[in-house]
């Protein structure tokens, strides 16, 4: 089986996220961040998941970090 690219993993996470499988999406975003700690889109999406699961403080911190990394292009 071919190794998945960053883009493949991120797309898979987004698909889980959009389908409401937040735990699985979060696991994949975390996997991405274990290899690419400044991957702003994964950080942003984890912030969204935090907000969706009633952790707004954590969500705000993550989303602010993503914005800082991308210069507001999130």
C-alpha atoms as a PDB file:
ATOM      1  CA  UNK A   1       0.000   0.000   0.000  1.00  0.00           C
ATOM      2  CA  UNK A   2       1.362   3.422  -0.946  1.00  0.00           C
ATOM      3  CA  UNK A   3       2.240   5.851   1.799  1.00  0.00           C
ATOM      4  CA  UNK A   4      -0.278   8.656   2.286  1.00  0.00           C
ATOM      5  CA  UNK A   5       0.809  12.209   1.632  1.00  0.00           C
ATOM      6  CA  UNK A   6       0.132  15.129   3.947  1.00  0.00           C
ATOM      7  CA  UNK A   7      -2.587  16.249   1.573  1.00  0.00           C
ATOM      8  CA  UNK A   8      -4.185  12.776   1.596  1.00  0.00           C
ATOM      9  CA  UNK A   9      -4.181  12.662   5.392  1.00  0.00           C
ATOM     10  CA  UNK A  10      -5.599  16.154   5.699  1.00  0.00           C
ATOM     11  CA  UNK A  11      -8.342  15.376   3.168  1.00  0.00           C
ATOM     12  CA  UNK A  12      -9.204  12.217   5.091  1.00  0.00           C
ATOM     13  CA  UNK A  13      -9.421  14.196   8.341  1.00  0.00           C
ATOM     14  CA  UNK A  14     -11.641  16.835   6.735  1.00  0.00           C
ATOM     15  CA  UNK A  15     -13.954  14.130   5.390  1.00  0.00           C
ATOM     16  CA  UNK A  16     -14.290  12.641   8.885  1.00  0.00           C
ATOM     17  CA  UNK A  17     -14.826  16.118  10.322  1.00  0.00           C
ATOM     18  CA  UNK A  18     -17.559  16.976   7.829  1.00  0.00           C
ATOM     19  CA  UNK A  19     -19.262  13.647   8.523  1.00  0.00           C
ATOM     20  CA  UNK A  20     -19.329  14.412  12.248  1.00  0.00           C
ATOM     21  CA  UNK A  21     -16.674  11.856  13.209  1.00  0.00           C
ATOM     22  CA  UNK A  22     -14.859  14.398  15.363  1.00  0.00           C
ATOM     23  CA  UNK A  23     -12.749  11.917  17.337  1.00  0.00           C
ATOM     24  CA  UNK A  24     -11.339  10.351  14.177  1.00  0.00           C
ATOM     25  CA  UNK A  25     -10.787  13.742  12.546  1.00  0.00           C
ATOM     26  CA  UNK A  26      -9.014  15.011  15.650  1.00  0.00           C
ATOM     27  CA  UNK A  27      -6.797  11.931  15.773  1.00  0.00           C
ATOM     28  CA  UNK A  28      -5.663  12.526  12.192  1.00  0.00           C
ATOM     29  CA  UNK A  29      -5.110  16.269  12.715  1.00  0.00           C
ATOM     30  CA  UNK A  30      -2.958  15.353  15.735  1.00  0.00           C
ATOM     31  CA  UNK A  31      -1.055  12.805  13.637  1.00  0.00           C
ATOM     32  CA  UNK A  32      -0.340  15.502  11.052  1.00  0.00           C
ATOM     33  CA  UNK A  33       0.849  17.863  13.791  1.00  0.00           C
ATOM     34  CA  UNK A  34       3.174  15.204  15.200  1.00  0.00           C
ATOM     35  CA  UNK A  35       5.104  15.441  11.924  1.00  0.00           C
ATOM     36  CA  UNK A  36       4.342  19.041  10.945  1.00  0.00           C
ATOM     37  CA  UNK A  37       3.797  20.992  14.198  1.00  0.00           C
ATOM     38  CA  UNK A  38       3.089  24.269  12.405  1.00  0.00           C
ATOM     39  CA  UNK A  39       0.448  22.924   9.992  1.00  0.00           C
ATOM     40  CA  UNK A  40      -1.948  25.827  10.475  1.00  0.00           C
ATOM     41  CA  UNK A  41      -4.967  24.182   8.850  1.00  0.00           C
ATOM     42  CA  UNK A  42      -4.799  21.205  11.227  1.00  0.00           C
ATOM     43  CA  UNK A  43      -4.387  23.524  14.207  1.00  0.00           C
ATOM     44  CA  UNK A  44      -7.360  25.575  12.988  1.00  0.00           C
ATOM     45  CA  UNK A  45      -9.525  22.498  12.521  1.00  0.00           C
ATOM     46  CA  UNK A  46      -8.623  21.229  15.995  1.00  0.00           C
ATOM     47  CA  UNK A  47      -9.764  24.613  17.279  1.00  0.00           C
ATOM     48  CA  UNK A  48     -13.054  24.172  15.473  1.00  0.00           C
ATOM     49  CA  UNK A  49     -13.462  20.705  16.993  1.00  0.00           C
ATOM     50  CA  UNK A  50     -12.736  22.164  20.437  1.00  0.00           C
ATOM     51  CA  UNK A  51     -15.498  24.720  19.899  1.00  0.00           C
ATOM     52  CA  UNK A  52     -17.856  22.027  18.626  1.00  0.00           C
ATOM     53  CA  UNK A  53     -17.248  19.947  21.754  1.00  0.00           C
ATOM     54  CA  UNK A  54     -17.837  22.734  24.269  1.00  0.00           C
ATOM     55  CA  UNK A  55     -14.203  23.654  24.873  1.00  0.00           C
ATOM     56  CA  UNK A  56     -14.268  27.265  23.652  1.00  0.00           C
ATOM     57  CA  UNK A  57     -11.172  28.374  25.580  1.00  0.00           C
ATOM     58  CA  UNK A  58      -9.048  25.688  23.962  1.00  0.00           C
ATOM     59  CA  UNK A  59     -10.655  26.444  20.601  1.00  0.00           C
ATOM     60  CA  UNK A  60      -9.774  30.111  20.850  1.00  0.00           C
ATOM     61  CA  UNK A  61      -6.139  29.370  21.697  1.00  0.00           C
ATOM     62  CA  UNK A  62      -5.796  26.981  18.760  1.00  0.00           C
ATOM     63  CA  UNK A  63      -7.510  29.258  16.262  1.00  0.00           C
ATOM     64  CA  UNK A  64      -5.408  32.249  17.369  1.00  0.00           C
ATOM     65  CA  UNK A  65      -2.262  30.134  16.916  1.00  0.00           C
ATOM     66  CA  UNK A  66      -3.353  29.101  13.424  1.00  0.00           C
ATOM     67  CA  UNK A  67      -4.049  32.725  12.495  1.00  0.00           C
ATOM     68  CA  UNK A  68      -0.633  33.771  13.821  1.00  0.00           C
ATOM     69  CA  UNK A  69       1.060  31.099  11.721  1.00  0.00           C
ATOM     70  CA  UNK A  70      -0.783  32.038   8.557  1.00  0.00           C
ATOM     71  CA  UNK A  71      -0.845  35.793   9.004  1.00  0.00           C
ATOM     72  CA  UNK A  72      -4.639  35.847   9.079  1.00  0.00           C
ATOM     73  CA  UNK A  73      -5.087  33.743   5.923  1.00  0.00           C
ATOM     74  CA  UNK A  74      -7.078  31.012   7.663  1.00  0.00           C
END
